[in-house]
Amino acid sequence: MTSEKGHASMQALMRVLDLEVLEQNLFRGISPDAGWQRVFGGQVIGQALMAACKTVDVDRHPHSLHGYFMRPGDPSIPIIYEVDRIRDGRSFTTRRIVAIQHGKAIFSMSCSFHVTEEDVFEHHSAMPDVPPPEDLADESDMKATFMQVAPEPIRKYWERERPLELRPTSFDHYTSDQPQPAEQHVWLRSTAPVPEPFADDPRVHAAILAYASDMTLLDTALFPHGLSIFSRAIQAASLDHSMWFHRPFRIEDWLLYAQDAPSSHAARGFARGAIYNRAGDLVASTAQEGLIRPNKPKP
């Protein structure tokens, strides 16, 4: 059953994603008061996608996005999103979005939209065989057991109220400094239904999934090195992010985020993800390269 805190968290997320219209092709977004030193990358991706959606006909849904992070975002001030209407074709629509703070670009993204086409070629890869979310520890179980022995940064992250519930199939990489395989499987869903008037807008569900897709992806590239994104020994940041939306889905329903990281080299980790619904249909794919380097000791 959805809790009042779950509803409140989802309402707060929609206040972040539902941008203010300043002028044609110009929008303003806010950041949540989460005590972070920089803006969460998934927030900027989701807001940029929502900005693009506001300039596209409702019968066209996003099918791909490709973004680059250029500067850390400042959570204390709004972010301005400028949308360039590159092309409006018969089947596809293309937009370019730039996120601006302090007069400089912090993020840029290209996004393509497509009208739905039926009776075409159909196939997808099989979903990994993993335990269902009901067989995994929920957040109350984690707070009662795992969180008691988790390192402080991990405990603070998991204890914070969030609009999305995550259920990893394993916590080994968070509790051990031993190298782990460069893969992970995480079930995710929203903590409450998407509120009105956004509940049945598939583009809003896509924006929320884009927001969520940045949460655990880069972490996978650190597992072979006995580290996690929470380690104080490293500097980590998203450099780019790509996403493809293949099939309809709802963010309130459990989705499996299967991730792997085939390469880390030259202070960059590369990770990719496949997102499946409960029926085993591939609904989205992701890819990301991020900065991962040891922190330099202070002189």
C-alpha atoms as a PDB file:
ATOM      1  CA  MET A   1       0.000   0.000   0.000  1.00  0.00           C
ATOM      2  CA  THR A   2       1.307   3.438  -0.889  1.00  0.00           C
ATOM      3  CA  SER A   3       2.243   5.572   2.096  1.00  0.00           C
ATOM      4  CA  GLU A   4       1.509   9.259   2.592  1.00  0.00           C
ATOM      5  CA  LYS A   5       5.260   9.873   2.379  1.00  0.00           C
ATOM      6  CA  GLY A   6       5.300   8.081  -0.976  1.00  0.00           C
ATOM      7  CA  HIS A   7       2.579  10.351  -2.335  1.00  0.00           C
ATOM      8  CA  ALA A   8       4.381  13.422  -0.974  1.00  0.00           C
ATOM      9  CA  SER A   9       7.659  12.330  -2.585  1.00  0.00           C
ATOM     10  CA  MET A  10       5.987  11.848  -5.963  1.00  0.00           C
ATOM     11  CA  GLN A  11       4.282  15.240  -5.705  1.00  0.00           C
ATOM     12  CA  ALA A  12       7.665  16.783  -4.928  1.00  0.00           C
ATOM     13  CA  LEU A  13       9.254  15.058  -7.927  1.00  0.00           C
ATOM     14  CA  MET A  14       6.548  16.382 -10.239  1.00  0.00           C
ATOM     15  CA  ARG A  15       7.126  19.915  -8.937  1.00  0.00           C
ATOM     16  CA  VAL A  16      10.738  19.449 -10.035  1.00  0.00           C
ATOM     17  CA  LEU A  17       9.897  17.974 -13.450  1.00  0.00           C
ATOM     18  CA  ASP A  18       6.925  20.223 -14.340  1.00  0.00           C
ATOM     19  CA  LEU A  19       8.867  23.207 -15.637  1.00  0.00           C
ATOM     20  CA  GLU A  20       7.707  26.812 -15.590  1.00  0.00           C
ATOM     21  CA  VAL A  21       7.146  28.316 -19.040  1.00  0.00           C
ATOM     22  CA  LEU A  22       9.059  31.609 -19.320  1.00  0.00           C
ATOM     23  CA  GLU A  23       8.709  32.279 -23.047  1.00  0.00           C
ATOM     24  CA  GLN A  24       8.357  30.255 -26.222  1.00  0.00           C
ATOM     25  CA  ASN A  25      11.075  27.545 -26.087  1.00  0.00           C
ATOM     26  CA  LEU A  26      12.334  28.818 -22.717  1.00  0.00           C
ATOM     27  CA  PHE A  27      11.632  27.055 -19.409  1.00  0.00           C
ATOM     28  CA  ARG A  28      12.744  27.219 -15.780  1.00  0.00           C
ATOM     29  CA  GLY A  29      13.276  24.271 -13.434  1.00  0.00           C
ATOM     30  CA  ILE A  30      13.997  24.089  -9.713  1.00  0.00           C
ATOM     31  CA  SER A  31      16.031  21.619  -7.661  1.00  0.00           C
ATOM     32  CA  PRO A  32      14.783  19.881  -4.495  1.00  0.00           C
ATOM     33  CA  ASP A  33      16.160  20.939  -1.129  1.00  0.00           C
ATOM     34  CA  ALA A  34      18.103  17.703  -0.615  1.00  0.00           C
ATOM     35  CA  GLY A  35      21.298  19.113   0.869  1.00  0.00           C
ATOM     36  CA  TRP A  36      23.377  18.091  -2.170  1.00  0.00           C
ATOM     37  CA  GLN A  37      26.402  20.097  -3.268  1.00  0.00           C
ATOM     38  CA  ARG A  38      25.515  19.671  -6.924  1.00  0.00           C
ATOM     39  CA  VAL A  39      22.416  18.888  -8.957  1.00  0.00           C
ATOM     40  CA  PHE A  40      21.678  15.184  -9.481  1.00  0.00           C
ATOM     41  CA  GLY A  41      22.351  14.295 -13.124  1.00  0.00           C
ATOM     42  CA  GLY A  42      19.094  12.370 -13.530  1.00  0.00           C
ATOM     43  CA  GLN A  43      17.170  15.496 -12.553  1.00  0.00           C
ATOM     44  CA  VAL A  44      18.744  17.501 -15.379  1.00  0.00           C
ATOM     45  CA  ILE A  45      18.071  14.704 -17.879  1.00  0.00           C
ATOM     46  CA  GLY A  46      14.427  14.467 -16.793  1.00  0.00           C
ATOM     47  CA  GLN A  47      13.893  18.222 -16.831  1.00  0.00           C
ATOM     48  CA  ALA A  48      15.527  18.596 -20.245  1.00  0.00           C
ATOM     49  CA  LEU A  49      13.253  15.874 -21.619  1.00  0.00           C
ATOM     50  CA  MET A  50      10.181  17.573 -20.134  1.00  0.00           C
ATOM     51  CA  ALA A  51      11.265  20.878 -21.694  1.00  0.00           C
ATOM     52  CA  ALA A  52      11.497  19.210 -25.100  1.00  0.00           C
ATOM     53  CA  CYS A  53       8.110  17.512 -24.611  1.00  0.00           C
ATOM     54  CA  LYS A  54       6.466  20.909 -24.073  1.00  0.00           C
ATOM     55  CA  THR A  55       7.413  21.855 -27.653  1.00  0.00           C
ATOM     56  CA  VAL A  56       6.230  18.644 -29.352  1.00  0.00           C
ATOM     57  CA  ASP A  57       2.751  17.452 -30.356  1.00  0.00           C
ATOM     58  CA  VAL A  58       1.254  15.048 -27.798  1.00  0.00           C
ATOM     59  CA  ASP A  59       0.968  12.195 -30.315  1.00  0.00           C
ATOM     60  CA  ARG A  60       4.799  12.006 -30.559  1.00  0.00           C
ATOM     61  CA  HIS A  61       6.693  10.222 -27.827  1.00  0.00           C
ATOM     62  CA  PRO A  62      10.431  10.334 -27.100  1.00  0.00           C
ATOM     63  CA  HIS A  63      12.327   7.354 -28.493  1.00  0.00           C
ATOM     64  CA  SER A  64      15.910   8.471 -27.857  1.00  0.00           C
ATOM     65  CA  LEU A  65      17.999  11.072 -26.061  1.00  0.00           C
ATOM     66  CA  HIS A  66      21.714  11.801 -25.955  1.00  0.00           C
ATOM     67  CA  GLY A  67      23.121  14.240 -23.419  1.00  0.00           C
ATOM     68  CA  TYR A  68      26.441  15.633 -22.205  1.00  0.00           C
ATOM     69  CA  PHE A  69      27.216  16.979 -18.742  1.00  0.00           C
ATOM     70  CA  MET A  70      29.579  19.950 -18.982  1.00  0.00           C
ATOM     71  CA  ARG A  71      29.525  21.651 -15.563  1.00  0.00           C
ATOM     72  CA  PRO A  72      28.205  20.747 -12.109  1.00  0.00           C
ATOM     73  CA  GLY A  73      24.724  22.104 -11.497  1.00  0.00           C
ATOM     74  CA  ASP A  74      24.107  24.533  -8.621  1.00  0.00           C
ATOM     75  CA  PRO A  75      21.086  23.313  -6.592  1.00  0.00           C
ATOM     76  CA  SER A  76      20.617  26.719  -4.936  1.00  0.00           C
ATOM     77  CA  ILE A  77      19.364  28.468  -8.090  1.00  0.00           C
ATOM     78  CA  PRO A  78      16.936  27.574 -10.915  1.00  0.00           C
ATOM     79  CA  ILE A  79      18.064  26.002 -14.182  1.00  0.00           C
ATOM     80  CA  ILE A  80      17.026  27.618 -17.468  1.00  0.00           C
ATOM     81  CA  TYR A  81      16.251  25.252 -20.362  1.00  0.00           C
ATOM     82  CA  GLU A  82      16.381  26.563 -23.913  1.00  0.00           C
ATOM     83  CA  VAL A  83      14.851  24.348 -26.615  1.00  0.00           C
ATOM     84  CA  ASP A  84      15.852  24.553 -30.272  1.00  0.00           C
ATOM     85  CA  ARG A  85      13.177  23.148 -32.622  1.00  0.00           C
ATOM     86  CA  ILE A  86      15.553  21.453 -35.041  1.00  0.00           C
ATOM     87  CA  ARG A  87      13.017  19.596 -37.188  1.00  0.00           C
ATOM     88  CA  ASP A  88       9.358  18.619 -37.359  1.00  0.00           C
ATOM     89  CA  GLY A  89       8.985  15.791 -39.873  1.00  0.00           C
ATOM     90  CA  ARG A  90       6.071  13.556 -40.839  1.00  0.00           C
ATOM     91  CA  SER A  91       7.152  10.753 -38.471  1.00  0.00           C
ATOM     92  CA  PHE A  92      10.014  12.164 -36.401  1.00  0.00           C
ATOM     93  CA  THR A  93      10.595  15.358 -34.441  1.00  0.00           C
ATOM     94  CA  THR A  94      14.043  16.497 -33.285  1.00  0.00           C
ATOM     95  CA  ARG A  95      14.877  18.895 -30.467  1.00  0.00           C
ATOM     96  CA  ARG A  96      18.093  20.236 -28.978  1.00  0.00           C
ATOM     97  CA  ILE A  97      18.056  21.391 -25.347  1.00  0.00           C
ATOM     98  CA  VAL A  98      20.626  23.410 -23.409  1.00  0.00           C
ATOM     99  CA  ALA A  99      20.502  23.776 -19.610  1.00  0.00           C
ATOM    100  CA  ILE A 100      21.966  27.071 -18.371  1.00  0.00           C
ATOM    101  CA  GLN A 101      23.111  28.397 -14.998  1.00  0.00           C
ATOM    102  CA  HIS A 102      25.210  31.469 -14.183  1.00  0.00           C
ATOM    103  CA  GLY A 103      25.145  32.315 -17.891  1.00  0.00           C
ATOM    104  CA  LYS A 104      26.889  29.076 -18.906  1.00  0.00           C
ATOM    105  CA  ALA A 105      25.737  25.737 -20.303  1.00  0.00           C
ATOM    106  CA  ILE A 106      25.839  22.926 -17.729  1.00  0.00           C
ATOM    107  CA  PHE A 107      24.175  20.256 -19.914  1.00  0.00           C
ATOM    108  CA  SER A 108      23.139  19.779 -23.533  1.00  0.00           C
ATOM    109  CA  MET A 109      20.888  17.114 -25.021  1.00  0.00           C
ATOM    110  CA  SER A 110      19.453  16.053 -28.346  1.00  0.00           C
ATOM    111  CA  CYS A 111      16.120  14.257 -28.261  1.00  0.00           C
ATOM    112  CA  SER A 112      14.069  12.566 -30.970  1.00  0.00           C
ATOM    113  CA  PHE A 113      10.315  11.907 -30.939  1.00  0.00           C
ATOM    114  CA  HIS A 114       8.360   9.439 -33.085  1.00  0.00           C
ATOM    115  CA  VAL A 115       4.721   8.807 -33.908  1.00  0.00           C
ATOM    116  CA  THR A 116       3.612   5.288 -32.912  1.00  0.00           C
ATOM    117  CA  GLU A 117       3.806   2.793 -35.759  1.00  0.00           C
ATOM    118  CA  GLU A 118       2.155  -0.655 -35.681  1.00  0.00           C
ATOM    119  CA  ASP A 119       2.515  -3.909 -37.650  1.00  0.00           C
ATOM    120  CA  VAL A 120       6.297  -3.668 -37.932  1.00  0.00           C
ATOM    121  CA  PHE A 121       9.218  -5.938 -37.046  1.00  0.00           C
ATOM    122  CA  GLU A 122       9.219  -7.078 -33.420  1.00  0.00           C
ATOM    123  CA  HIS A 123      11.806  -8.782 -31.204  1.00  0.00           C
ATOM    124  CA  HIS A 124      13.747  -8.111 -28.002  1.00  0.00           C
ATOM    125  CA  SER A 125      16.366  -9.774 -25.820  1.00  0.00           C
ATOM    126  CA  ALA A 126      15.265 -11.970 -22.925  1.00  0.00           C
ATOM    127  CA  MET A 127      15.054 -10.595 -19.398  1.00  0.00           C
ATOM    128  CA  PRO A 128      17.682 -11.987 -16.971  1.00  0.00           C
ATOM    129  CA  ASP A 129      16.512 -14.675 -14.572  1.00  0.00           C
ATOM    130  CA  VAL A 130      16.554 -12.906 -11.193  1.00  0.00           C
ATOM    131  CA  PRO A 131      14.410 -13.072  -8.033  1.00  0.00           C
ATOM    132  CA  PRO A 132      11.160 -11.095  -8.240  1.00  0.00           C
ATOM    133  CA  PRO A 133      10.938  -7.894  -6.158  1.00  0.00           C
ATOM    134  CA  GLU A 134       8.579  -9.546  -3.657  1.00  0.00           C
ATOM    135  CA  ASP A 135      11.371 -11.952  -2.661  1.00  0.00           C
ATOM    136  CA  LEU A 136      13.842  -9.120  -1.959  1.00  0.00           C
ATOM    137  CA  ALA A 137      14.257  -6.875   1.051  1.00  0.00           C
ATOM    138  CA  ASP A 138      12.029  -3.806   0.950  1.00  0.00           C
ATOM    139  CA  GLU A 139      13.121  -0.489   2.411  1.00  0.00           C
ATOM    140  CA  SER A 140      11.764  -1.216   5.885  1.00  0.00           C
ATOM    141  CA  ASP A 141      13.665  -4.533   5.917  1.00  0.00           C
ATOM    142  CA  MET A 142      16.832  -2.780   4.784  1.00  0.00           C
ATOM    143  CA  LYS A 143      16.571  -0.144   7.503  1.00  0.00           C
ATOM    144  CA  ALA A 144      16.103  -2.839  10.136  1.00  0.00           C
ATOM    145  CA  THR A 145      18.965  -5.088   9.034  1.00  0.00           C
ATOM    146  CA  PHE A 146      21.390  -4.032   6.326  1.00  0.00           C
ATOM    147  CA  MET A 147      21.388  -0.328   7.255  1.00  0.00           C
ATOM    148  CA  GLN A 148      22.593  -1.070  10.761  1.00  0.00           C
ATOM    149  CA  VAL A 149      25.990  -2.156   9.407  1.00  0.00           C
ATOM    150  CA  ALA A 150      26.171  -0.102   6.209  1.00  0.00           C
ATOM    151  CA  PRO A 151      28.765   2.664   5.852  1.00  0.00           C
ATOM    152  CA  GLU A 152      27.418   6.114   6.702  1.00  0.00           C
ATOM    153  CA  PRO A 153      27.183   7.501   3.118  1.00  0.00           C
ATOM    154  CA  ILE A 154      25.237   4.421   1.993  1.00  0.00           C
ATOM    155  CA  ARG A 155      22.973   4.524   5.028  1.00  0.00           C
ATOM    156  CA  LYS A 156      22.125   8.199   4.484  1.00  0.00           C
ATOM    157  CA  TYR A 157      21.318   7.557   0.824  1.00  0.00           C
ATOM    158  CA  TRP A 158      18.973   4.652   1.469  1.00  0.00           C
ATOM    159  CA  GLU A 159      17.267   6.221   4.491  1.00  0.00           C
ATOM    160  CA  ARG A 160      16.344   9.388   2.621  1.00  0.00           C
ATOM    161  CA  GLU A 161      12.740   9.640   1.466  1.00  0.00           C
ATOM    162  CA  ARG A 162      12.706   9.181  -2.306  1.00  0.00           C
ATOM    163  CA  PRO A 163      10.025   9.147  -5.014  1.00  0.00           C
ATOM    164  CA  LEU A 164      11.448   5.868  -6.338  1.00  0.00           C
ATOM    165  CA  GLU A 165      11.828   2.546  -4.563  1.00  0.00           C
ATOM    166  CA  LEU A 166      14.895   0.484  -5.447  1.00  0.00           C
ATOM    167  CA  ARG A 167      15.346  -3.209  -4.627  1.00  0.00           C
ATOM    168  CA  PRO A 168      18.791  -4.501  -5.669  1.00  0.00           C
ATOM    169  CA  THR A 169      19.111  -8.265  -5.963  1.00  0.00           C
ATOM    170  CA  SER A 170      22.430  -8.033  -4.056  1.00  0.00           C
ATOM    171  CA  PHE A 171      24.148  -5.637  -1.661  1.00  0.00           C
ATOM    172  CA  ASP A 172      27.554  -7.351  -1.782  1.00  0.00           C
ATOM    173  CA  HIS A 173      29.219  -4.437  -3.540  1.00  0.00           C
ATOM    174  CA  TYR A 174      28.130  -2.060  -0.774  1.00  0.00           C
ATOM    175  CA  THR A 175      29.299  -4.192   2.142  1.00  0.00           C
ATOM    176  CA  SER A 176      32.574  -5.608   0.795  1.00  0.00           C
ATOM    177  CA  ASP A 177      35.787  -4.095  -0.569  1.00  0.00           C
ATOM    178  CA  GLN A 178      36.427  -7.230  -2.620  1.00  0.00           C
ATOM    179  CA  PRO A 179      36.168  -7.022  -6.430  1.00  0.00           C
ATOM    180  CA  GLN A 180      32.726  -7.964  -7.759  1.00  0.00           C
ATOM    181  CA  PRO A 181      31.490  -8.748 -11.275  1.00  0.00           C
ATOM    182  CA  ALA A 182      30.726  -5.601 -13.278  1.00  0.00           C
ATOM    183  CA  GLU A 183      26.988  -6.164 -13.317  1.00  0.00           C
ATOM    184  CA  GLN A 184      23.949  -5.562 -11.142  1.00  0.00           C
ATOM    185  CA  HIS A 185      20.171  -5.993 -11.236  1.00  0.00           C
ATOM    186  CA  VAL A 186      17.863  -3.514  -9.547  1.00  0.00           C
ATOM    187  CA  TRP A 187      14.070  -3.563  -9.444  1.00  0.00           C
ATOM    188  CA  LEU A 188      12.563  -0.073  -9.378  1.00  0.00           C
ATOM    189  CA  ARG A 189       9.198   1.640  -9.338  1.00  0.00           C
ATOM    190  CA  SER A 190       7.694   4.898  -8.087  1.00  0.00           C
ATOM    191  CA  THR A 191       6.641   5.025  -4.445  1.00  0.00           C
ATOM    192  CA  ALA A 192       3.166   6.230  -5.488  1.00  0.00           C
ATOM    193  CA  PRO A 193       1.136   6.626  -8.686  1.00  0.00           C
ATOM    194  CA  VAL A 194       2.000   9.577 -10.894  1.00  0.00           C
ATOM    195  CA  PRO A 195      -0.362  12.359  -9.735  1.00  0.00           C
ATOM    196  CA  GLU A 196      -2.938  14.119 -11.869  1.00  0.00           C
ATOM    197  CA  PRO A 197      -2.893  15.706 -14.381  1.00  0.00           C
ATOM    198  CA  PHE A 198       0.193  13.727 -15.428  1.00  0.00           C
ATOM    199  CA  ALA A 199      -0.989  10.214 -14.545  1.00  0.00           C
ATOM    200  CA  ASP A 200      -1.686   8.949 -18.068  1.00  0.00           C
ATOM    201  CA  ASP A 201       0.918  10.943 -20.004  1.00  0.00           C
ATOM    202  CA  PRO A 202       3.519   8.417 -21.264  1.00  0.00           C
ATOM    203  CA  ARG A 203       6.008  11.232 -21.766  1.00  0.00           C
ATOM    204  CA  VAL A 204       5.948  12.021 -18.061  1.00  0.00           C
ATOM    205  CA  HIS A 205       6.563   8.343 -17.260  1.00  0.00           C
ATOM    206  CA  ALA A 206       9.504   8.489 -19.694  1.00  0.00           C
ATOM    207  CA  ALA A 207      10.916  11.565 -17.940  1.00  0.00           C
ATOM    208  CA  ILE A 208      10.682   9.865 -14.535  1.00  0.00           C
ATOM    209  CA  LEU A 209      12.430   6.767 -15.872  1.00  0.00           C
ATOM    210  CA  ALA A 210      15.133   8.994 -17.396  1.00  0.00           C
ATOM    211  CA  TYR A 211      15.544  10.554 -13.946  1.00  0.00           C
ATOM    212  CA  ALA A 212      15.876   7.100 -12.366  1.00  0.00           C
ATOM    213  CA  SER A 213      18.224   5.727 -15.017  1.00  0.00           C
ATOM    214  CA  ASP A 214      21.157   7.790 -13.707  1.00  0.00           C
ATOM    215  CA  MET A 215      20.875   6.496 -10.134  1.00  0.00           C
ATOM    216  CA  THR A 216      22.924   3.285 -10.219  1.00  0.00           C
ATOM    217  CA  LEU A 217      24.428   2.993 -13.697  1.00  0.00           C
ATOM    218  CA  LEU A 218      27.946   4.392 -13.224  1.00  0.00           C
ATOM    219  CA  ASP A 219      28.298   2.481  -9.951  1.00  0.00           C
ATOM    220  CA  THR A 220      28.524  -0.745 -11.968  1.00  0.00           C
ATOM    221  CA  ALA A 221      31.881   0.293 -13.441  1.00  0.00           C
ATOM    222  CA  LEU A 222      33.398   0.418  -9.931  1.00  0.00           C
ATOM    223  CA  PHE A 223      32.441  -3.075  -8.779  1.00  0.00           C
ATOM    224  CA  PRO A 224      35.516  -4.835 -10.287  1.00  0.00           C
ATOM    225  CA  HIS A 225      37.685  -2.466  -8.251  1.00  0.00           C
ATOM    226  CA  GLY A 226      36.063  -3.163  -4.883  1.00  0.00           C
ATOM    227  CA  LEU A 227      34.510   0.310  -4.770  1.00  0.00           C
ATOM    228  CA  SER A 228      31.093   1.928  -5.012  1.00  0.00           C
ATOM    229  CA  ILE A 229      29.862   5.347  -5.987  1.00  0.00           C
ATOM    230  CA  PHE A 230      29.639   6.176  -2.266  1.00  0.00           C
ATOM    231  CA  SER A 231      33.354   5.649  -1.645  1.00  0.00           C
ATOM    232  CA  ARG A 232      35.171   8.703  -0.333  1.00  0.00           C
ATOM    233  CA  ALA A 233      38.326   7.477  -2.081  1.00  0.00           C
ATOM    234  CA  ILE A 234      37.106   8.352  -5.581  1.00  0.00           C
ATOM    235  CA  GLN A 235      35.882  11.250  -7.654  1.00  0.00           C
ATOM    236  CA  ALA A 236      32.924  10.241  -9.805  1.00  0.00           C
ATOM    237  CA  ALA A 237      30.626  12.144 -12.139  1.00  0.00           C
ATOM    238  CA  SER A 238      28.457  11.415 -15.165  1.00  0.00           C
ATOM    239  CA  LEU A 239      29.993  12.633 -18.426  1.00  0.00           C
ATOM    240  CA  ASP A 240      27.265  11.665 -20.867  1.00  0.00           C
ATOM    241  CA  HIS A 241      24.011   9.728 -20.925  1.00  0.00           C
ATOM    242  CA  SER A 242      22.021   8.083 -23.696  1.00  0.00           C
ATOM    243  CA  MET A 243      18.632   6.429 -23.527  1.00  0.00           C
ATOM    244  CA  TRP A 244      16.284   4.670 -25.933  1.00  0.00           C
ATOM    245  CA  PHE A 245      12.588   4.076 -25.215  1.00  0.00           C
ATOM    246  CA  HIS A 246      11.368   0.918 -26.960  1.00  0.00           C
ATOM    247  CA  ARG A 247       7.905   0.074 -25.568  1.00  0.00           C
ATOM    248  CA  PRO A 248       5.187   1.634 -23.396  1.00  0.00           C
ATOM    249  CA  PHE A 249       5.439   1.198 -19.614  1.00  0.00           C
ATOM    250  CA  ARG A 250       4.185   2.694 -16.370  1.00  0.00           C
ATOM    251  CA  ILE A 251       6.597   3.851 -13.705  1.00  0.00           C
ATOM    252  CA  GLU A 252       4.285   2.611 -10.901  1.00  0.00           C
ATOM    253  CA  ASP A 253       4.855  -0.977 -12.062  1.00  0.00           C
ATOM    254  CA  TRP A 254       8.028  -2.865 -11.179  1.00  0.00           C
ATOM    255  CA  LEU A 255      10.795  -2.540 -13.786  1.00  0.00           C
ATOM    256  CA  LEU A 256      14.051  -4.519 -13.791  1.00  0.00           C
ATOM    257  CA  TYR A 257      17.164  -2.436 -14.481  1.00  0.00           C
ATOM    258  CA  ALA A 258      19.859  -4.882 -15.676  1.00  0.00           C
ATOM    259  CA  GLN A 259      23.254  -3.160 -15.838  1.00  0.00           C
ATOM    260  CA  ASP A 260      26.799  -4.082 -16.822  1.00  0.00           C
ATOM    261  CA  ALA A 261      30.076  -2.225 -17.357  1.00  0.00           C
ATOM    262  CA  PRO A 262      32.281  -3.721 -20.098  1.00  0.00           C
ATOM    263  CA  SER A 263      35.123  -1.196 -19.727  1.00  0.00           C
ATOM    264  CA  SER A 264      36.958   1.162 -17.380  1.00  0.00           C
ATOM    265  CA  HIS A 265      40.027   2.967 -18.724  1.00  0.00           C
ATOM    266  CA  ALA A 266      41.758   6.370 -18.625  1.00  0.00           C
ATOM    267  CA  ALA A 267      39.638   7.573 -15.658  1.00  0.00           C
ATOM    268  CA  ARG A 268      36.392   6.786 -17.529  1.00  0.00           C
ATOM    269  CA  GLY A 269      33.955   3.984 -16.814  1.00  0.00           C
ATOM    270  CA  PHE A 270      31.461   2.818 -19.429  1.00  0.00           C
ATOM    271  CA  ALA A 271      28.184   1.212 -18.371  1.00  0.00           C
ATOM    272  CA  ARG A 272      24.991   0.154 -20.133  1.00  0.00           C
ATOM    273  CA  GLY A 273      21.561  -0.929 -19.014  1.00  0.00           C
ATOM    274  CA  ALA A 274      18.459  -2.763 -20.194  1.00  0.00           C
ATOM    275  CA  ILE A 275      15.103  -2.065 -18.532  1.00  0.00           C
ATOM    276  CA  TYR A 276      12.359  -4.718 -18.583  1.00  0.00           C
ATOM    277  CA  ASN A 277       8.768  -4.790 -17.354  1.00  0.00           C
ATOM    278  CA  ARG A 278       7.371  -7.646 -15.258  1.00  0.00           C
ATOM    279  CA  ALA A 279       6.257  -9.489 -18.401  1.00  0.00           C
ATOM    280  CA  GLY A 280       9.887  -9.571 -19.596  1.00  0.00           C
ATOM    281  CA  ASP A 281       9.467  -6.994 -22.379  1.00  0.00           C
ATOM    282  CA  LEU A 282      12.424  -4.705 -23.010  1.00  0.00           C
ATOM    283  CA  VAL A 283      11.019  -1.188 -22.514  1.00  0.00           C
ATOM    284  CA  ALA A 284      14.190   0.951 -22.545  1.00  0.00           C
ATOM    285  CA  SER A 285      17.980   0.846 -22.893  1.00  0.00           C
ATOM    286  CA  THR A 286      20.686   3.109 -21.484  1.00  0.00           C
ATOM    287  CA  ALA A 287      24.396   3.801 -21.912  1.00  0.00           C
ATOM    288  CA  GLN A 288      26.681   6.099 -19.981  1.00  0.00           C
ATOM    289  CA  GLU A 289      30.322   7.046 -19.616  1.00  0.00           C
ATOM    290  CA  GLY A 290      31.441   8.621 -16.371  1.00  0.00           C
ATOM    291  CA  LEU A 291      34.503  10.008 -14.695  1.00  0.00           C
ATOM    292  CA  ILE A 292      35.981   7.625 -12.096  1.00  0.00           C
ATOM    293  CA  ARG A 293      39.368   8.544 -10.655  1.00  0.00           C
ATOM    294  CA  PRO A 294      41.063   8.240  -7.259  1.00  0.00           C
ATOM    295  CA  ASN A 295      40.845  11.331  -5.084  1.00  0.00           C
ATOM    296  CA  LYS A 296      44.180  13.083  -4.878  1.00  0.00           C
ATOM    297  CA  PRO A 297      45.520  13.364  -1.306  1.00  0.00           C
ATOM    298  CA  LYS A 298      45.367  16.885   0.091  1.00  0.00           C
ATOM    299  CA  PRO A 299      48.801  18.525   0.411  1.00  0.00           C
END
